[in-house]
Amino acid sequence: MANKIQISSCSISAHHCRCFEKLSNEETEFLNANSVMITYKKREIICKQGGFVSHVMFVESGLAKVFLDDGINSLVLKIIPDGNLLGLSSVSEERNTFQYSAMAYIETKIRQININVFRQLLKQNAAFSKEVIDILSANSTQVYGRFFCLTHKQAYGRLADILICLSSRIFKQDEFHLPLTRKDLAELSGMSAETVIRMLKKFSEEGLISQNGKYFRIIDCDRLKRISETG
């Protein structure tokens, strides 16, 4: 019997960027001379879908969401924690606009790197280029898996996925203070805020989690994982 393939709908980027480690000292100095650090406040827009691209962004600290928006509806593609890049989809010289928007969930520090400098480094440093290609590949795989699960998993499975990913990829512990609102969780799991509130209460009643305002504790991760797999 073939093994069942597990596909995660986790929207949190797991690929920690190491491409800058491949730069020489001279290239690092060149990059630093052509980048600036900007701090974005909570809920501030970092980049706007359709806006002109002048830089690639590296998240030094904080947490941001990447989303598509048509003015009426929005779809969260992924969450970007520190150590990740934004704007890679527009690195090609054939694209000069952002393909998505990004917003800071909490205060977030972004290093903006001149896109022409970034492109020059891609051309002259093969190891650097390979790392960037690996990041793009991981991003694509993650988004494909998320779309599959959003359309095939039931609501309980999607919410279990989000809680597991927050615990393991962002906070790296079972107990954490969640900076996201119930509306944010609803966007991530493709449900209404009311449904998320009701399901969180059910998870609490069943002893899977405990919650007190924004404080969460994963009590039974194994059961949450089974709900995620069968949801």
Protein backbone atom coordinates (compact mmCIF):
# COMPACT_ATOMS: atom_id res chain seq x y z
CA MET A 1 0.00 0.00 0.00
CA ALA A 2 1.40 3.40 -0.94
CA ASN A 3 2.19 5.81 1.87
CA LYS A 4 -0.14 8.76 2.17
CA ILE A 5 1.57 11.99 1.18
CA GLN A 6 1.21 14.64 3.88
CA ILE A 7 0.75 18.15 2.53
CA SER A 8 0.96 21.02 4.98
CA SER A 9 -1.09 24.16 4.54
CA CYS A 10 1.27 26.02 6.86
CA SER A 11 1.52 29.58 5.64
CA ILE A 12 4.64 30.39 7.66
CA SER A 13 7.89 30.49 5.73
CA ALA A 14 10.29 27.82 6.97
CA HIS A 15 13.22 28.62 4.66
CA HIS A 16 15.73 30.72 6.59
CA CYS A 17 17.70 32.86 4.15
CA ARG A 18 21.41 32.06 4.01
CA CYS A 19 22.20 33.58 0.64
CA PHE A 20 24.16 36.49 2.12
CA GLU A 21 26.60 34.03 3.66
CA LYS A 22 27.75 33.27 0.10
CA LEU A 23 28.93 36.82 -0.54
CA SER A 24 32.57 37.83 -0.35
CA ASN A 25 33.63 40.60 2.01
CA GLU A 26 33.75 43.06 -0.87
CA GLU A 27 30.29 42.02 -2.08
CA THR A 28 28.88 42.32 1.44
CA GLU A 29 30.29 45.84 1.74
CA PHE A 30 28.82 46.68 -1.68
CA LEU A 31 25.40 45.39 -0.60
CA ASN A 32 25.48 47.21 2.75
CA ALA A 33 26.42 50.47 1.03
CA ASN A 34 23.33 50.13 -1.15
CA SER A 35 20.77 49.21 1.49
CA VAL A 36 18.88 51.00 4.24
CA MET A 37 17.06 49.85 7.38
CA ILE A 38 13.43 50.87 7.85
CA THR A 39 11.16 50.12 10.82
CA TYR A 40 7.49 49.54 10.03
CA LYS A 41 4.87 49.96 12.72
CA LYS A 42 2.22 47.35 13.48
CA ARG A 43 -0.29 47.12 10.58
CA GLU A 44 1.79 49.38 8.34
CA ILE A 45 1.98 48.44 4.66
CA ILE A 46 5.49 47.36 3.64
CA CYS A 47 4.87 47.10 -0.09
CA LYS A 48 1.81 47.46 -2.28
CA GLN A 49 0.68 45.06 -5.00
CA GLY A 50 1.25 46.74 -8.37
CA GLY A 51 3.72 49.24 -6.93
CA PHE A 52 7.04 49.94 -8.67
CA VAL A 53 9.88 47.74 -7.43
CA SER A 54 13.07 49.55 -6.48
CA HIS A 55 14.40 47.17 -3.84
CA VAL A 56 14.41 43.64 -2.42
CA MET A 57 13.56 43.41 1.29
CA PHE A 58 15.10 41.34 4.05
CA VAL A 59 13.16 40.93 7.31
CA GLU A 60 15.68 41.61 10.07
CA SER A 61 13.11 41.26 12.85
CA GLY A 62 9.35 41.12 13.22
CA LEU A 63 6.53 39.39 11.39
CA ALA A 64 4.78 40.26 8.14
CA LYS A 65 2.01 38.84 6.00
CA VAL A 66 2.11 38.56 2.21
CA PHE A 67 -1.26 38.77 0.51
CA LEU A 68 -3.15 39.37 -2.73
CA ASP A 69 -5.82 42.07 -2.72
CA ASP A 70 -8.32 43.09 -5.38
CA GLY A 71 -9.76 45.96 -3.36
CA ILE A 72 -12.64 43.86 -2.04
CA ASN A 73 -11.22 40.47 -1.12
CA SER A 74 -7.78 39.45 0.09
CA LEU A 75 -5.95 36.13 0.24
CA VAL A 76 -3.02 35.57 2.60
CA LEU A 77 -0.27 33.71 0.76
CA LYS A 78 2.20 33.33 3.62
CA ILE A 79 3.62 34.77 6.82
CA ILE A 80 7.20 36.02 6.77
CA PRO A 81 9.18 35.84 10.04
CA ASP A 82 12.65 37.30 10.51
CA GLY A 83 15.43 35.91 8.34
CA ASN A 84 13.40 35.89 5.10
CA LEU A 85 13.30 37.88 1.88
CA LEU A 86 10.41 39.79 0.32
CA GLY A 87 10.14 40.89 -3.29
CA LEU A 88 12.02 38.02 -4.96
CA SER A 89 9.17 37.48 -7.43
CA SER A 90 10.14 40.82 -9.01
CA VAL A 91 13.90 40.19 -9.24
CA SER A 92 13.60 39.38 -12.94
CA GLU A 93 14.31 42.41 -15.09
CA GLU A 94 11.14 41.60 -17.02
CA ARG A 95 9.05 42.50 -13.95
CA ASN A 96 9.08 45.96 -12.39
CA THR A 97 6.06 45.80 -10.08
CA PHE A 98 5.30 43.94 -6.85
CA GLN A 99 3.14 40.86 -7.45
CA TYR A 100 1.64 41.04 -3.94
CA SER A 101 1.25 43.32 -0.93
CA ALA A 102 2.93 42.91 2.46
CA MET A 103 1.93 44.26 5.86
CA ALA A 104 3.65 44.22 9.24
CA TYR A 105 1.77 42.15 11.83
CA ILE A 106 3.97 43.64 14.56
CA GLU A 107 6.76 46.23 14.55
CA THR A 108 9.07 44.94 11.84
CA LYS A 109 12.55 45.98 10.75
CA ILE A 110 13.21 45.67 7.01
CA ARG A 111 16.52 46.03 5.19
CA GLN A 112 15.79 47.47 1.75
CA ILE A 113 18.39 46.45 -0.82
CA ASN A 114 18.69 48.28 -4.13
CA ILE A 115 17.23 45.85 -6.66
CA ASN A 116 19.87 46.60 -9.30
CA VAL A 117 22.61 45.80 -6.80
CA PHE A 118 20.81 42.56 -5.89
CA ARG A 119 20.55 41.65 -9.59
CA GLN A 120 24.24 42.39 -10.11
CA LEU A 121 25.17 40.04 -7.26
CA LEU A 122 22.98 37.34 -8.79
CA LYS A 123 24.86 37.64 -12.07
CA GLN A 124 28.36 37.58 -10.64
CA ASN A 125 28.03 35.10 -7.74
CA ALA A 126 26.80 31.61 -8.66
CA ALA A 127 26.59 30.38 -5.04
CA PHE A 128 24.50 33.41 -4.09
CA SER A 129 22.21 32.78 -7.09
CA LYS A 130 21.75 29.13 -6.16
CA GLU A 131 20.63 30.06 -2.63
CA VAL A 132 18.11 32.55 -4.04
CA ILE A 133 16.79 29.91 -6.48
CA ASP A 134 16.38 27.50 -3.55
CA ILE A 135 14.36 30.15 -1.68
CA LEU A 136 12.11 30.73 -4.71
CA SER A 137 11.59 26.97 -5.05
CA ALA A 138 10.71 26.58 -1.36
CA ASN A 139 8.30 29.53 -1.61
CA SER A 140 6.53 27.97 -4.60
CA THR A 141 6.23 24.57 -2.92
CA GLN A 142 4.80 26.18 0.19
CA VAL A 143 2.19 28.19 -1.70
CA TYR A 144 1.15 25.14 -3.77
CA GLY A 145 0.67 23.10 -0.61
CA ARG A 146 -1.29 25.87 1.04
CA PHE A 147 -3.69 26.21 -1.90
CA PHE A 148 -4.22 22.44 -1.99
CA CYS A 149 -5.06 22.30 1.70
CA LEU A 150 -7.29 25.38 1.66
CA THR A 151 -9.42 23.72 -1.01
CA HIS A 152 -9.35 20.13 0.30
CA LYS A 153 -9.04 20.21 4.09
CA GLN A 154 -11.96 20.76 6.41
CA ALA A 155 -12.01 23.77 8.73
CA TYR A 156 -10.70 21.91 11.79
CA GLY A 157 -7.70 20.61 9.85
CA ARG A 158 -6.83 24.07 8.54
CA LEU A 159 -6.98 25.68 11.97
CA ALA A 160 -4.94 22.85 13.51
CA ASP A 161 -2.30 23.43 10.80
CA ILE A 162 -2.07 27.13 11.66
CA LEU A 163 -1.70 26.53 15.40
CA ILE A 164 0.98 23.86 14.87
CA CYS A 165 2.92 26.09 12.48
CA LEU A 166 2.77 29.10 14.81
CA SER A 167 4.05 26.97 17.66
CA SER A 168 6.83 25.20 15.74
CA ARG A 169 8.01 27.80 13.21
CA ILE A 170 7.47 31.20 14.83
CA PHE A 171 7.59 30.80 18.59
CA LYS A 172 9.37 27.42 18.71
CA GLN A 173 7.60 26.48 21.93
CA ASP A 174 4.21 25.19 23.06
CA GLU A 175 3.28 28.32 25.03
CA PHE A 176 3.29 31.74 23.37
CA HIS A 177 1.75 35.20 23.16
CA LEU A 178 -0.02 35.46 19.80
CA PRO A 179 0.17 38.93 18.19
CA LEU A 180 -2.49 37.99 15.63
CA THR A 181 -6.17 38.78 16.06
CA ARG A 182 -8.93 36.22 15.59
CA LYS A 183 -9.62 37.96 12.27
CA ASP A 184 -5.99 37.35 11.26
CA LEU A 185 -6.35 33.65 12.13
CA ALA A 186 -9.55 33.57 10.08
CA GLU A 187 -7.72 35.02 7.05
CA LEU A 188 -4.95 32.46 7.39
CA SER A 189 -7.32 29.50 7.68
CA GLY A 190 -9.87 30.69 5.11
CA MET A 191 -12.76 31.00 7.56
CA SER A 192 -14.84 33.66 9.26
CA ALA A 193 -13.69 35.13 12.58
CA GLU A 194 -16.83 33.73 14.22
CA THR A 195 -16.00 30.22 13.05
CA VAL A 196 -12.42 30.51 14.34
CA ILE A 197 -13.63 31.68 17.75
CA ARG A 198 -16.08 28.78 17.95
CA MET A 199 -13.46 26.23 16.91
CA LEU A 200 -10.83 27.57 19.32
CA LYS A 201 -13.37 27.17 22.10
CA LYS A 202 -13.99 23.58 21.01
CA PHE A 203 -10.24 22.87 20.90
CA SER A 204 -10.00 24.23 24.45
CA GLU A 205 -12.94 22.16 25.68
CA GLU A 206 -11.37 19.02 24.19
CA GLY A 207 -8.06 19.68 25.96
CA LEU A 208 -6.05 20.36 22.80
CA ILE A 209 -5.10 23.93 23.70
CA SER A 210 -5.61 26.49 26.43
CA GLN A 211 -6.12 30.16 25.72
CA ASN A 212 -6.36 33.30 27.79
CA GLY A 213 -6.76 36.33 25.58
CA LYS A 214 -3.68 36.34 23.36
CA TYR A 215 -1.84 33.71 25.39
CA PHE A 216 -1.96 30.21 23.90
CA ARG A 217 -0.61 26.87 25.03
CA ILE A 218 -0.54 23.73 22.92
CA ILE A 219 -1.53 20.91 25.28
CA ASP A 220 -1.88 17.94 22.94
CA CYS A 221 0.22 18.48 19.80
CA ASP A 222 -0.13 14.85 18.68
CA ARG A 223 -3.93 15.09 18.54
CA LEU A 224 -3.70 18.43 16.75
CA LYS A 225 -1.43 16.83 14.17
CA ARG A 226 -3.92 13.98 13.66
CA ILE A 227 -6.71 16.53 13.15
CA SER A 228 -4.48 18.34 10.65
CA GLU A 229 -3.75 15.10 8.76
CA THR A 230 -7.36 13.90 8.65
CA GLY A 231 -9.01 17.30 8.36
